[in-house]
Amino acid sequence: MAEYDPYESGPRGHSRRDFFRGSGVAAATAVLTGQATTALDEAKAAESEPKVLSGEVKLTLQVNGESRSVTVEPRSTLLDTLRNRLDVTGPKRVCDRSSCGACTTIVDGVPVYSCTTLAVACQGKTIETLESFDTGPTGVPHAFHQHDGLMCGYCTPGFVTACKALLDKNPNPTLEEVRRGLDGNICRCGTYIGVLEAALAAAKAQKGA
């Protein structure tokens, strides 16, 4: 009598062993296909990722309506580039860690902390600092002067810039909207009342202009 093999025989000529062999090949094929797919996805992702920059980079920045060429290290912040390379000293270095708002600069209409914004990320964008602001009767700086919205002066450029950005977006803000719009700026002297009054007065002056 032939020895019985539990892996042999089947009604259609296929054994369990054949089945397991086929299953193993299919599983291996699935794993390999999955690995190949992952490799292709990683390759595509690598192509779409930003290039790693080193050494020095030549930039052309649009600052206050002018094209300014500058060469910086990739790690250079917008604040350092403006102040140390382009002699644009409106934005101030105070906390240097995105806490006080003294370095506020408007990039493509949005107020940003220039102390933690890379200069290379601003190429092709519009950069505004308070050097370009209207200082006449309808300007934000004039309103700050008229309403004592400053004391020591360290925070003032940031507040003026943030206020300008707010009024460009919302020309007729409420007091609460002004509070929220200037929320990222700190005045250690506590002249908040004057700052808020200046913002509302600037909005009124610009509306009547």
N, C-alpha and C. Protein backbone atom coordinates (compact mmCIF):
# COMPACT_ATOMS: atom_id res chain seq x y z
N MET A 1 0.86 -1.18 0.00
CA MET A 1 0.00 0.00 0.00
C MET A 1 0.89 1.23 0.00
N ALA A 2 0.55 2.17 -0.87
CA ALA A 2 1.32 3.39 -0.94
C ALA A 2 1.12 4.23 0.32
N GLU A 3 2.22 4.93 0.74
CA GLU A 3 2.14 5.75 1.95
C GLU A 3 1.23 6.95 1.70
N TYR A 4 0.41 7.20 2.68
CA TYR A 4 -0.54 8.32 2.53
C TYR A 4 0.17 9.63 2.83
N ASP A 5 0.06 10.56 1.92
CA ASP A 5 0.64 11.91 2.10
C ASP A 5 -0.49 12.90 2.23
N PRO A 6 -0.64 13.51 3.38
CA PRO A 6 -1.76 14.44 3.58
C PRO A 6 -1.71 15.65 2.67
N TYR A 7 -0.52 15.96 2.10
CA TYR A 7 -0.42 17.12 1.23
C TYR A 7 -0.69 16.80 -0.23
N GLU A 8 -0.83 15.47 -0.50
CA GLU A 8 -1.07 15.09 -1.87
C GLU A 8 -2.56 14.91 -2.12
N SER A 9 -2.85 14.81 -3.36
CA SER A 9 -4.16 14.46 -3.89
C SER A 9 -5.16 15.60 -3.80
N GLY A 10 -6.01 15.57 -4.78
CA GLY A 10 -7.09 16.53 -4.87
C GLY A 10 -7.95 16.13 -6.00
N PRO A 11 -9.21 16.45 -5.97
CA PRO A 11 -10.12 15.98 -6.99
C PRO A 11 -9.77 16.47 -8.38
N ARG A 12 -9.02 17.56 -8.50
CA ARG A 12 -8.73 18.08 -9.83
C ARG A 12 -7.24 18.00 -10.16
N GLY A 13 -6.51 17.13 -9.45
CA GLY A 13 -5.11 16.92 -9.79
C GLY A 13 -4.16 17.90 -9.13
N HIS A 14 -4.63 18.77 -8.24
CA HIS A 14 -3.77 19.73 -7.56
C HIS A 14 -3.68 19.34 -6.09
N SER A 15 -2.49 19.32 -5.57
CA SER A 15 -2.31 18.96 -4.17
C SER A 15 -2.27 20.18 -3.30
N ARG A 16 -2.36 19.94 -1.99
CA ARG A 16 -2.22 21.05 -1.06
C ARG A 16 -0.82 21.65 -1.16
N ARG A 17 0.16 20.75 -1.43
CA ARG A 17 1.53 21.25 -1.57
C ARG A 17 1.62 22.24 -2.73
N ASP A 18 0.97 21.88 -3.84
CA ASP A 18 0.94 22.80 -4.99
C ASP A 18 0.29 24.12 -4.61
N PHE A 19 -0.75 24.01 -3.83
CA PHE A 19 -1.48 25.21 -3.42
C PHE A 19 -0.58 26.12 -2.58
N PHE A 20 0.14 25.50 -1.60
CA PHE A 20 1.00 26.29 -0.74
C PHE A 20 2.16 26.90 -1.53
N ARG A 21 2.67 26.09 -2.49
CA ARG A 21 3.74 26.64 -3.33
C ARG A 21 3.25 27.87 -4.10
N GLY A 22 2.07 27.70 -4.68
CA GLY A 22 1.50 28.83 -5.44
C GLY A 22 1.24 30.03 -4.57
N SER A 23 0.74 29.77 -3.37
CA SER A 23 0.45 30.86 -2.44
C SER A 23 1.73 31.58 -2.06
N GLY A 24 2.82 30.80 -1.85
CA GLY A 24 4.09 31.43 -1.48
C GLY A 24 4.61 32.33 -2.57
N VAL A 25 4.52 31.86 -3.82
CA VAL A 25 4.96 32.68 -4.94
C VAL A 25 4.13 33.95 -5.05
N ALA A 26 2.82 33.80 -4.86
CA ALA A 26 1.93 34.97 -4.94
C ALA A 26 2.26 35.97 -3.84
N ALA A 27 2.51 35.43 -2.64
CA ALA A 27 2.83 36.32 -1.52
C ALA A 27 4.14 37.05 -1.77
N ALA A 28 5.15 36.30 -2.26
CA ALA A 28 6.44 36.92 -2.54
C ALA A 28 6.31 37.99 -3.61
N THR A 29 5.50 37.69 -4.63
CA THR A 29 5.27 38.66 -5.70
C THR A 29 4.62 39.92 -5.16
N ALA A 30 3.65 39.73 -4.24
CA ALA A 30 2.96 40.88 -3.65
C ALA A 30 3.93 41.74 -2.85
N VAL A 31 4.84 41.07 -2.08
CA VAL A 31 5.82 41.80 -1.28
C VAL A 31 6.76 42.58 -2.17
N LEU A 32 7.26 41.91 -3.22
CA LEU A 32 8.18 42.57 -4.14
C LEU A 32 7.51 43.74 -4.83
N THR A 33 6.27 43.51 -5.25
CA THR A 33 5.52 44.59 -5.91
C THR A 33 5.33 45.76 -4.96
N GLY A 34 5.03 45.43 -3.70
CA GLY A 34 4.86 46.49 -2.71
C GLY A 34 6.13 47.27 -2.50
N GLN A 35 7.28 46.54 -2.42
CA GLN A 35 8.56 47.22 -2.26
C GLN A 35 8.88 48.10 -3.45
N ALA A 36 8.59 47.58 -4.64
CA ALA A 36 8.86 48.36 -5.85
C ALA A 36 8.01 49.63 -5.87
N THR A 37 6.75 49.47 -5.47
CA THR A 37 5.86 50.63 -5.43
C THR A 37 6.36 51.67 -4.44
N THR A 38 6.79 51.19 -3.26
CA THR A 38 7.32 52.10 -2.24
C THR A 38 8.55 52.83 -2.75
N ALA A 39 9.43 52.10 -3.43
CA ALA A 39 10.65 52.71 -3.97
C ALA A 39 10.31 53.79 -4.99
N LEU A 40 9.33 53.51 -5.85
CA LEU A 40 8.93 54.50 -6.84
C LEU A 40 8.32 55.73 -6.17
N ASP A 41 7.49 55.49 -5.14
CA ASP A 41 6.89 56.62 -4.42
C ASP A 41 7.96 57.48 -3.76
N GLU A 42 8.97 56.83 -3.18
CA GLU A 42 10.04 57.57 -2.53
C GLU A 42 10.84 58.37 -3.56
N ALA A 43 11.05 57.79 -4.71
CA ALA A 43 11.80 58.49 -5.75
C ALA A 43 11.04 59.72 -6.23
N LYS A 44 9.71 59.55 -6.39
CA LYS A 44 8.90 60.69 -6.82
C LYS A 44 8.89 61.78 -5.76
N ALA A 45 8.80 61.36 -4.49
CA ALA A 45 8.80 62.33 -3.39
C ALA A 45 10.11 63.09 -3.34
N ALA A 46 11.22 62.39 -3.58
CA ALA A 46 12.54 63.02 -3.56
C ALA A 46 12.65 64.08 -4.65
N GLU A 47 12.04 63.78 -5.80
CA GLU A 47 12.09 64.74 -6.91
C GLU A 47 11.30 66.00 -6.59
N SER A 48 10.20 65.85 -5.81
CA SER A 48 9.34 66.99 -5.51
C SER A 48 9.80 67.77 -4.29
N GLU A 49 10.73 67.20 -3.49
CA GLU A 49 11.20 67.88 -2.29
C GLU A 49 12.12 69.04 -2.67
N PRO A 50 12.17 70.09 -1.81
CA PRO A 50 13.07 71.21 -2.08
C PRO A 50 14.53 70.75 -2.08
N LYS A 51 15.34 71.40 -2.88
CA LYS A 51 16.75 71.05 -2.92
C LYS A 51 17.44 71.58 -1.67
N VAL A 52 18.42 70.84 -1.22
CA VAL A 52 19.21 71.27 -0.06
C VAL A 52 20.20 72.34 -0.52
N LEU A 53 20.17 73.49 0.14
CA LEU A 53 21.04 74.59 -0.23
C LEU A 53 22.22 74.67 0.73
N SER A 54 23.37 75.08 0.21
CA SER A 54 24.55 75.24 1.05
C SER A 54 25.40 76.36 0.49
N GLY A 55 26.38 76.77 1.28
CA GLY A 55 27.25 77.85 0.83
C GLY A 55 26.52 79.17 0.88
N GLU A 56 26.50 79.88 -0.21
CA GLU A 56 25.79 81.15 -0.30
C GLU A 56 24.82 81.12 -1.47
N VAL A 57 23.75 81.85 -1.32
CA VAL A 57 22.69 81.87 -2.33
C VAL A 57 22.44 83.31 -2.76
N LYS A 58 22.32 83.50 -4.06
CA LYS A 58 22.00 84.83 -4.58
C LYS A 58 20.49 84.99 -4.66
N LEU A 59 19.98 86.06 -4.08
CA LEU A 59 18.54 86.31 -4.06
C LEU A 59 18.23 87.68 -4.64
N THR A 60 17.02 87.80 -5.15
CA THR A 60 16.48 89.10 -5.53
C THR A 60 15.18 89.26 -4.77
N LEU A 61 15.17 90.19 -3.84
CA LEU A 61 14.00 90.41 -2.99
C LEU A 61 13.29 91.70 -3.37
N GLN A 62 11.98 91.64 -3.39
CA GLN A 62 11.17 92.82 -3.68
C GLN A 62 10.86 93.52 -2.36
N VAL A 63 11.65 94.53 -2.03
CA VAL A 63 11.53 95.21 -0.74
C VAL A 63 11.04 96.65 -0.95
N ASN A 64 9.88 96.93 -0.42
CA ASN A 64 9.31 98.27 -0.51
C ASN A 64 9.27 98.81 -1.94
N GLY A 65 8.88 97.92 -2.85
CA GLY A 65 8.71 98.33 -4.24
C GLY A 65 9.98 98.33 -5.06
N GLU A 66 11.10 97.91 -4.49
CA GLU A 66 12.37 97.88 -5.23
C GLU A 66 12.92 96.46 -5.27
N SER A 67 13.59 96.14 -6.38
CA SER A 67 14.27 94.85 -6.49
C SER A 67 15.66 94.99 -5.89
N ARG A 68 15.91 94.21 -4.85
CA ARG A 68 17.20 94.30 -4.15
C ARG A 68 17.92 92.95 -4.25
N SER A 69 19.12 92.99 -4.81
CA SER A 69 19.92 91.77 -4.95
C SER A 69 20.81 91.61 -3.72
N VAL A 70 20.93 90.37 -3.27
CA VAL A 70 21.72 90.11 -2.07
C VAL A 70 22.20 88.67 -2.10
N THR A 71 23.37 88.42 -1.51
CA THR A 71 23.91 87.07 -1.38
C THR A 71 23.95 86.71 0.10
N VAL A 72 23.29 85.62 0.45
CA VAL A 72 23.19 85.23 1.86
C VAL A 72 23.40 83.73 2.01
N GLU A 73 23.62 83.31 3.24
CA GLU A 73 23.62 81.88 3.54
C GLU A 73 22.17 81.41 3.58
N PRO A 74 21.90 80.16 3.22
CA PRO A 74 20.53 79.66 3.22
C PRO A 74 19.82 79.79 4.56
N ARG A 75 20.60 79.79 5.66
CA ARG A 75 20.01 79.88 6.99
C ARG A 75 19.70 81.32 7.42
N SER A 76 20.07 82.29 6.61
CA SER A 76 19.87 83.70 6.99
C SER A 76 18.39 84.04 7.09
N THR A 77 18.02 84.70 8.15
CA THR A 77 16.63 85.11 8.33
C THR A 77 16.35 86.37 7.53
N LEU A 78 15.07 86.61 7.34
CA LEU A 78 14.67 87.83 6.64
C LEU A 78 15.10 89.06 7.44
N LEU A 79 15.01 88.98 8.75
CA LEU A 79 15.41 90.10 9.60
C LEU A 79 16.89 90.42 9.42
N ASP A 80 17.74 89.40 9.51
CA ASP A 80 19.18 89.62 9.33
C ASP A 80 19.48 90.18 7.94
N THR A 81 18.81 89.65 6.94
CA THR A 81 19.07 90.09 5.57
C THR A 81 18.66 91.54 5.37
N LEU A 82 17.49 91.89 5.90
CA LEU A 82 17.03 93.28 5.76
C LEU A 82 17.96 94.25 6.49
N ARG A 83 18.25 93.94 7.74
CA ARG A 83 19.01 94.88 8.56
C ARG A 83 20.50 94.91 8.21
N ASN A 84 21.11 93.73 8.06
CA ASN A 84 22.57 93.66 7.93
C ASN A 84 23.07 93.69 6.50
N ARG A 85 22.23 93.31 5.55
CA ARG A 85 22.68 93.27 4.16
C ARG A 85 22.05 94.37 3.31
N LEU A 86 20.82 94.76 3.63
CA LEU A 86 20.12 95.73 2.78
C LEU A 86 19.89 97.07 3.47
N ASP A 87 20.34 97.20 4.71
CA ASP A 87 20.22 98.44 5.47
C ASP A 87 18.77 98.91 5.60
N VAL A 88 17.87 97.95 5.74
CA VAL A 88 16.46 98.25 6.01
C VAL A 88 16.26 97.95 7.49
N THR A 89 16.28 98.98 8.31
CA THR A 89 16.36 98.80 9.76
C THR A 89 15.03 99.01 10.49
N GLY A 90 13.94 99.13 9.75
CA GLY A 90 12.63 99.30 10.40
C GLY A 90 12.29 98.15 11.33
N PRO A 91 12.31 96.91 10.85
CA PRO A 91 12.05 95.77 11.73
C PRO A 91 13.16 95.67 12.79
N LYS A 92 12.78 95.48 14.05
CA LYS A 92 13.75 95.47 15.15
C LYS A 92 13.97 94.06 15.68
N ARG A 93 15.21 93.82 16.14
CA ARG A 93 15.52 92.57 16.82
C ARG A 93 15.38 92.81 18.32
N VAL A 94 14.42 92.12 18.93
CA VAL A 94 14.21 92.26 20.37
C VAL A 94 14.28 90.88 21.03
N CYS A 95 13.23 90.06 20.85
CA CYS A 95 13.25 88.73 21.47
C CYS A 95 14.01 87.72 20.63
N ASP A 96 13.97 87.87 19.31
CA ASP A 96 14.64 86.98 18.35
C ASP A 96 14.10 85.55 18.41
N ARG A 97 12.83 85.39 18.83
CA ARG A 97 12.24 84.05 18.87
C ARG A 97 10.73 84.07 18.67
N SER A 98 10.25 84.98 17.87
CA SER A 98 8.82 85.04 17.50
C SER A 98 7.90 85.22 18.69
N SER A 99 8.30 86.05 19.65
CA SER A 99 7.46 86.24 20.83
C SER A 99 6.93 87.67 20.98
N CYS A 100 7.69 88.66 20.49
CA CYS A 100 7.30 90.05 20.79
C CYS A 100 6.68 90.79 19.62
N GLY A 101 7.05 90.44 18.40
CA GLY A 101 6.47 91.10 17.23
C GLY A 101 7.19 92.34 16.77
N ALA A 102 8.31 92.71 17.42
CA ALA A 102 9.03 93.92 17.03
C ALA A 102 9.63 93.81 15.63
N CYS A 103 9.84 92.60 15.16
CA CYS A 103 10.44 92.38 13.83
C CYS A 103 9.40 92.20 12.74
N THR A 104 8.14 92.47 13.04
CA THR A 104 7.06 92.21 12.09
C THR A 104 7.31 92.87 10.73
N THR A 105 7.14 92.09 9.69
CA THR A 105 7.29 92.54 8.31
C THR A 105 6.12 91.99 7.52
N ILE A 106 5.67 92.71 6.52
CA ILE A 106 4.54 92.26 5.70
C ILE A 106 5.08 91.55 4.46
N VAL A 107 4.74 90.28 4.31
CA VAL A 107 5.17 89.49 3.15
C VAL A 107 3.93 89.01 2.41
N ASP A 108 3.78 89.47 1.18
CA ASP A 108 2.59 89.15 0.38
C ASP A 108 1.30 89.47 1.14
N GLY A 109 1.31 90.60 1.83
CA GLY A 109 0.12 91.07 2.53
C GLY A 109 -0.11 90.46 3.89
N VAL A 110 0.77 89.56 4.32
CA VAL A 110 0.60 88.87 5.60
C VAL A 110 1.70 89.29 6.57
N PRO A 111 1.35 89.72 7.78
CA PRO A 111 2.39 90.07 8.76
C PRO A 111 3.10 88.82 9.25
N VAL A 112 4.43 88.83 9.22
CA VAL A 112 5.22 87.66 9.65
C VAL A 112 6.31 88.13 10.60
N TYR A 113 6.78 87.20 11.43
CA TYR A 113 7.95 87.46 12.27
C TYR A 113 9.19 87.26 11.40
N SER A 114 9.86 88.34 11.07
CA SER A 114 11.01 88.21 10.18
C SER A 114 12.22 87.58 10.86
N CYS A 115 12.20 87.49 12.20
CA CYS A 115 13.34 86.87 12.90
C CYS A 115 13.36 85.36 12.76
N THR A 116 12.24 84.77 12.35
CA THR A 116 12.21 83.32 12.15
C THR A 116 11.72 82.95 10.75
N THR A 117 11.73 83.90 9.84
CA THR A 117 11.39 83.65 8.44
C THR A 117 12.66 83.65 7.62
N LEU A 118 12.91 82.60 6.85
CA LEU A 118 14.12 82.54 6.04
C LEU A 118 14.02 83.49 4.85
N ALA A 119 15.11 84.15 4.57
CA ALA A 119 15.14 85.07 3.43
C ALA A 119 14.90 84.34 2.12
N VAL A 120 15.44 83.11 1.99
CA VAL A 120 15.28 82.36 0.74
C VAL A 120 13.82 82.03 0.47
N ALA A 121 13.00 82.00 1.52
CA ALA A 121 11.58 81.69 1.35
C ALA A 121 10.79 82.89 0.86
N CYS A 122 11.44 84.05 0.81
CA CYS A 122 10.73 85.29 0.44
C CYS A 122 11.03 85.75 -0.98
N GLN A 123 11.86 85.00 -1.68
CA GLN A 123 12.16 85.39 -3.06
C GLN A 123 10.89 85.27 -3.91
N GLY A 124 10.63 86.30 -4.71
CA GLY A 124 9.44 86.32 -5.54
C GLY A 124 8.21 86.84 -4.83
N LYS A 125 8.36 87.21 -3.57
CA LYS A 125 7.23 87.74 -2.80
C LYS A 125 7.42 89.23 -2.53
N THR A 126 6.33 89.89 -2.22
CA THR A 126 6.38 91.32 -1.93
C THR A 126 6.64 91.53 -0.45
N ILE A 127 7.69 92.29 -0.14
CA ILE A 127 8.07 92.55 1.24
C ILE A 127 7.87 94.04 1.54
N GLU A 128 7.15 94.31 2.63
CA GLU A 128 6.92 95.70 3.03
C GLU A 128 7.40 95.91 4.46
N THR A 129 8.11 97.02 4.66
CA THR A 129 8.49 97.44 6.01
C THR A 129 8.01 98.87 6.20
N LEU A 130 8.10 99.36 7.46
CA LEU A 130 7.49 100.67 7.72
C LEU A 130 8.22 101.82 7.02
N GLU A 131 9.41 101.55 6.42
CA GLU A 131 10.07 102.62 5.66
C GLU A 131 9.21 103.10 4.48
N SER A 132 8.32 102.22 4.00
CA SER A 132 7.51 102.57 2.83
C SER A 132 6.12 103.09 3.19
N PHE A 133 5.80 103.17 4.48
CA PHE A 133 4.45 103.55 4.88
C PHE A 133 4.21 105.05 4.72
N ASP A 134 2.97 105.39 4.47
CA ASP A 134 2.56 106.79 4.39
C ASP A 134 2.68 107.43 5.77
N THR A 135 3.42 108.52 5.85
CA THR A 135 3.59 109.22 7.13
C THR A 135 2.72 110.46 7.23
N GLY A 136 1.84 110.67 6.24
CA GLY A 136 0.95 111.82 6.26
C GLY A 136 -0.21 111.65 7.23
N PRO A 137 -1.17 112.56 7.21
CA PRO A 137 -2.29 112.55 8.15
C PRO A 137 -3.14 111.29 8.12
N THR A 138 -3.13 110.57 7.01
CA THR A 138 -3.94 109.35 6.92
C THR A 138 -3.12 108.08 7.17
N GLY A 139 -1.85 108.25 7.44
CA GLY A 139 -0.98 107.10 7.63
C GLY A 139 -1.00 106.56 9.06
N VAL A 140 -0.66 105.32 9.20
CA VAL A 140 -0.63 104.67 10.52
C VAL A 140 0.42 105.30 11.43
N PRO A 141 1.63 105.62 10.97
CA PRO A 141 2.62 106.25 11.86
C PRO A 141 2.11 107.56 12.47
N HIS A 142 1.41 108.36 11.67
CA HIS A 142 0.86 109.63 12.17
C HIS A 142 -0.15 109.37 13.29
N ALA A 143 -0.99 108.37 13.13
CA ALA A 143 -1.98 108.05 14.15
C ALA A 143 -1.30 107.61 15.45
N PHE A 144 -0.23 106.86 15.35
CA PHE A 144 0.50 106.45 16.56
C PHE A 144 1.09 107.66 17.27
N HIS A 145 1.59 108.60 16.50
CA HIS A 145 2.16 109.82 17.09
C HIS A 145 1.09 110.65 17.78
N GLN A 146 -0.05 110.78 17.15
CA GLN A 146 -1.13 111.61 17.68
C GLN A 146 -1.79 111.00 18.92
N HIS A 147 -1.75 109.70 19.04
CA HIS A 147 -2.45 109.03 20.15
C HIS A 147 -1.49 108.37 21.14
N ASP A 148 -0.26 108.82 21.15
CA ASP A 148 0.73 108.31 22.10
C ASP A 148 0.78 106.79 22.11
N GLY A 149 0.83 106.22 20.95
CA GLY A 149 0.88 104.77 20.85
C GLY A 149 2.29 104.21 20.95
N LEU A 150 3.17 104.92 21.65
CA LEU A 150 4.55 104.46 21.80
C LEU A 150 5.15 105.06 23.07
N MET A 151 6.17 104.38 23.60
CA MET A 151 6.88 104.91 24.76
C MET A 151 8.37 104.73 24.53
N CYS A 152 8.90 103.54 24.83
CA CYS A 152 10.34 103.35 24.61
C CYS A 152 10.66 103.22 23.13
N GLY A 153 9.72 102.73 22.35
CA GLY A 153 9.91 102.66 20.91
C GLY A 153 10.36 101.32 20.36
N TYR A 154 10.77 100.40 21.23
CA TYR A 154 11.26 99.11 20.72
C TYR A 154 10.16 98.33 19.99
N CYS A 155 8.95 98.36 20.52
CA CYS A 155 7.87 97.57 19.93
C CYS A 155 7.13 98.32 18.84
N THR A 156 7.32 99.64 18.78
CA THR A 156 6.49 100.49 17.90
C THR A 156 6.54 100.08 16.42
N PRO A 157 7.71 99.84 15.83
CA PRO A 157 7.72 99.45 14.41
C PRO A 157 6.88 98.21 14.13
N GLY A 158 6.94 97.23 15.04
CA GLY A 158 6.15 96.02 14.85
C GLY A 158 4.66 96.29 14.94
N PHE A 159 4.26 97.11 15.90
CA PHE A 159 2.85 97.44 16.04
C PHE A 159 2.35 98.23 14.82
N VAL A 160 3.14 99.20 14.39
CA VAL A 160 2.75 100.00 13.21
C VAL A 160 2.60 99.09 11.99
N THR A 161 3.53 98.16 11.81
CA THR A 161 3.48 97.25 10.66
C THR A 161 2.28 96.31 10.74
N ALA A 162 2.04 95.74 11.93
CA ALA A 162 0.90 94.84 12.10
C ALA A 162 -0.41 95.59 11.89
N CYS A 163 -0.46 96.84 12.35
CA CYS A 163 -1.66 97.66 12.16
C CYS A 163 -1.90 97.95 10.68
N LYS A 164 -0.82 98.25 9.96
CA LYS A 164 -0.93 98.51 8.52
C LYS A 164 -1.46 97.27 7.80
N ALA A 165 -0.94 96.10 8.15
CA ALA A 165 -1.40 94.86 7.53
C ALA A 165 -2.88 94.62 7.84
N LEU A 166 -3.27 94.91 9.07
CA LEU A 166 -4.67 94.73 9.46
C LEU A 166 -5.59 95.64 8.66
N LEU A 167 -5.24 96.91 8.55
CA LEU A 167 -6.10 97.86 7.85
C LEU A 167 -6.12 97.61 6.34
N ASP A 168 -5.05 97.06 5.81
CA ASP A 168 -5.06 96.70 4.38
C ASP A 168 -6.08 95.59 4.11
N LYS A 169 -6.25 94.69 5.08
CA LYS A 169 -7.21 93.59 4.94
C LYS A 169 -8.61 94.02 5.36
N ASN A 170 -8.67 94.80 6.42
CA ASN A 170 -9.96 95.19 7.00
C ASN A 170 -9.92 96.69 7.29
N PRO A 171 -10.37 97.53 6.36
CA PRO A 171 -10.27 98.98 6.50
C PRO A 171 -11.17 99.57 7.59
N ASN A 172 -12.13 98.81 8.06
CA ASN A 172 -13.06 99.33 9.06
C ASN A 172 -13.24 98.34 10.21
N PRO A 173 -12.17 98.09 10.97
CA PRO A 173 -12.25 97.07 12.02
C PRO A 173 -12.93 97.57 13.28
N THR A 174 -13.49 96.65 14.02
CA THR A 174 -14.02 96.96 15.35
C THR A 174 -12.86 96.92 16.34
N LEU A 175 -13.11 97.36 17.56
CA LEU A 175 -12.07 97.33 18.58
C LEU A 175 -11.60 95.90 18.83
N GLU A 176 -12.53 94.96 18.86
CA GLU A 176 -12.18 93.56 19.09
C GLU A 176 -11.35 93.01 17.94
N GLU A 177 -11.66 93.42 16.72
CA GLU A 177 -10.90 92.97 15.56
C GLU A 177 -9.48 93.54 15.58
N VAL A 178 -9.35 94.77 16.08
CA VAL A 178 -8.02 95.37 16.23
C VAL A 178 -7.21 94.60 17.27
N ARG A 179 -7.87 94.25 18.37
CA ARG A 179 -7.19 93.47 19.41
C ARG A 179 -6.66 92.15 18.85
N ARG A 180 -7.51 91.46 18.09
CA ARG A 180 -7.09 90.19 17.52
C ARG A 180 -5.99 90.37 16.48
N GLY A 181 -6.10 91.43 15.68
CA GLY A 181 -5.12 91.68 14.63
C GLY A 181 -3.74 92.00 15.17
N LEU A 182 -3.68 92.60 16.37
CA LEU A 182 -2.40 92.98 16.97
C LEU A 182 -1.98 92.02 18.07
N ASP A 183 -2.65 90.90 18.16
CA ASP A 183 -2.44 89.95 19.25
C ASP A 183 -1.03 89.38 19.30
N GLY A 184 -0.34 89.34 18.18
CA GLY A 184 1.00 88.77 18.15
C GLY A 184 2.10 89.72 18.54
N ASN A 185 1.73 90.94 18.97
CA ASN A 185 2.72 91.95 19.34
C ASN A 185 2.61 92.27 20.83
N ILE A 186 3.75 92.52 21.45
CA ILE A 186 3.81 92.81 22.88
C ILE A 186 4.44 94.18 23.11
N CYS A 187 3.83 94.94 24.02
CA CYS A 187 4.38 96.23 24.44
C CYS A 187 4.74 96.12 25.92
N ARG A 188 6.02 96.11 26.22
CA ARG A 188 6.45 95.95 27.62
C ARG A 188 6.18 97.21 28.45
N CYS A 189 6.00 98.33 27.77
CA CYS A 189 5.67 99.57 28.49
C CYS A 189 4.18 99.67 28.80
N GLY A 190 3.38 98.83 28.16
CA GLY A 190 1.95 98.81 28.45
C GLY A 190 1.13 99.91 27.80
N THR A 191 1.57 100.40 26.65
CA THR A 191 0.83 101.48 25.99
C THR A 191 -0.26 100.94 25.06
N TYR A 192 -0.92 99.89 25.49
CA TYR A 192 -1.92 99.25 24.63
C TYR A 192 -3.10 100.16 24.32
N ILE A 193 -3.51 100.96 25.29
CA ILE A 193 -4.65 101.85 25.05
C ILE A 193 -4.35 102.80 23.90
N GLY A 194 -3.16 103.40 23.92
CA GLY A 194 -2.77 104.30 22.84
C GLY A 194 -2.66 103.60 21.51
N VAL A 195 -2.15 102.37 21.54
CA VAL A 195 -2.01 101.59 20.30
C VAL A 195 -3.37 101.31 19.69
N LEU A 196 -4.32 100.88 20.51
CA LEU A 196 -5.66 100.56 20.00
C LEU A 196 -6.35 101.82 19.48
N GLU A 197 -6.20 102.92 20.21
CA GLU A 197 -6.80 104.19 19.74
C GLU A 197 -6.17 104.62 18.43
N ALA A 198 -4.86 104.42 18.29
CA ALA A 198 -4.17 104.81 17.06
C ALA A 198 -4.67 103.98 15.88
N ALA A 199 -4.87 102.71 16.09
CA ALA A 199 -5.34 101.84 15.01
C ALA A 199 -6.73 102.26 14.54
N LEU A 200 -7.62 102.53 15.49
CA LEU A 200 -8.98 102.95 15.13
C LEU A 200 -8.96 104.32 14.46
N ALA A 201 -8.09 105.21 14.93
CA ALA A 201 -8.00 106.54 14.34
C ALA A 201 -7.44 106.47 12.91
N ALA A 202 -6.47 105.59 12.70
CA ALA A 202 -5.91 105.43 11.35
C ALA A 202 -6.97 104.90 10.40
N ALA A 203 -7.78 103.97 10.88
CA ALA A 203 -8.86 103.41 10.04
C ALA A 203 -9.85 104.51 9.68
N LYS A 204 -10.18 105.35 10.65
CA LYS A 204 -11.13 106.44 10.41
C LYS A 204 -10.55 107.45 9.43
N ALA A 205 -9.27 107.79 9.59
CA ALA A 205 -8.63 108.77 8.72
C ALA A 205 -8.55 108.26 7.29
N GLN A 206 -8.23 107.00 7.12
CA GLN A 206 -8.13 106.44 5.78
C GLN A 206 -9.50 106.32 5.12
N LYS A 207 -10.50 106.09 5.93
CA LYS A 207 -11.87 105.98 5.39
C LYS A 207 -12.36 107.34 4.90
N GLY A 208 -11.95 108.39 5.60
CA GLY A 208 -12.41 109.74 5.22
C GLY A 208 -11.54 110.39 4.19
N ALA A 209 -10.44 109.75 3.83
CA ALA A 209 -9.51 110.37 2.86
C ALA A 209 -10.09 110.34 1.45
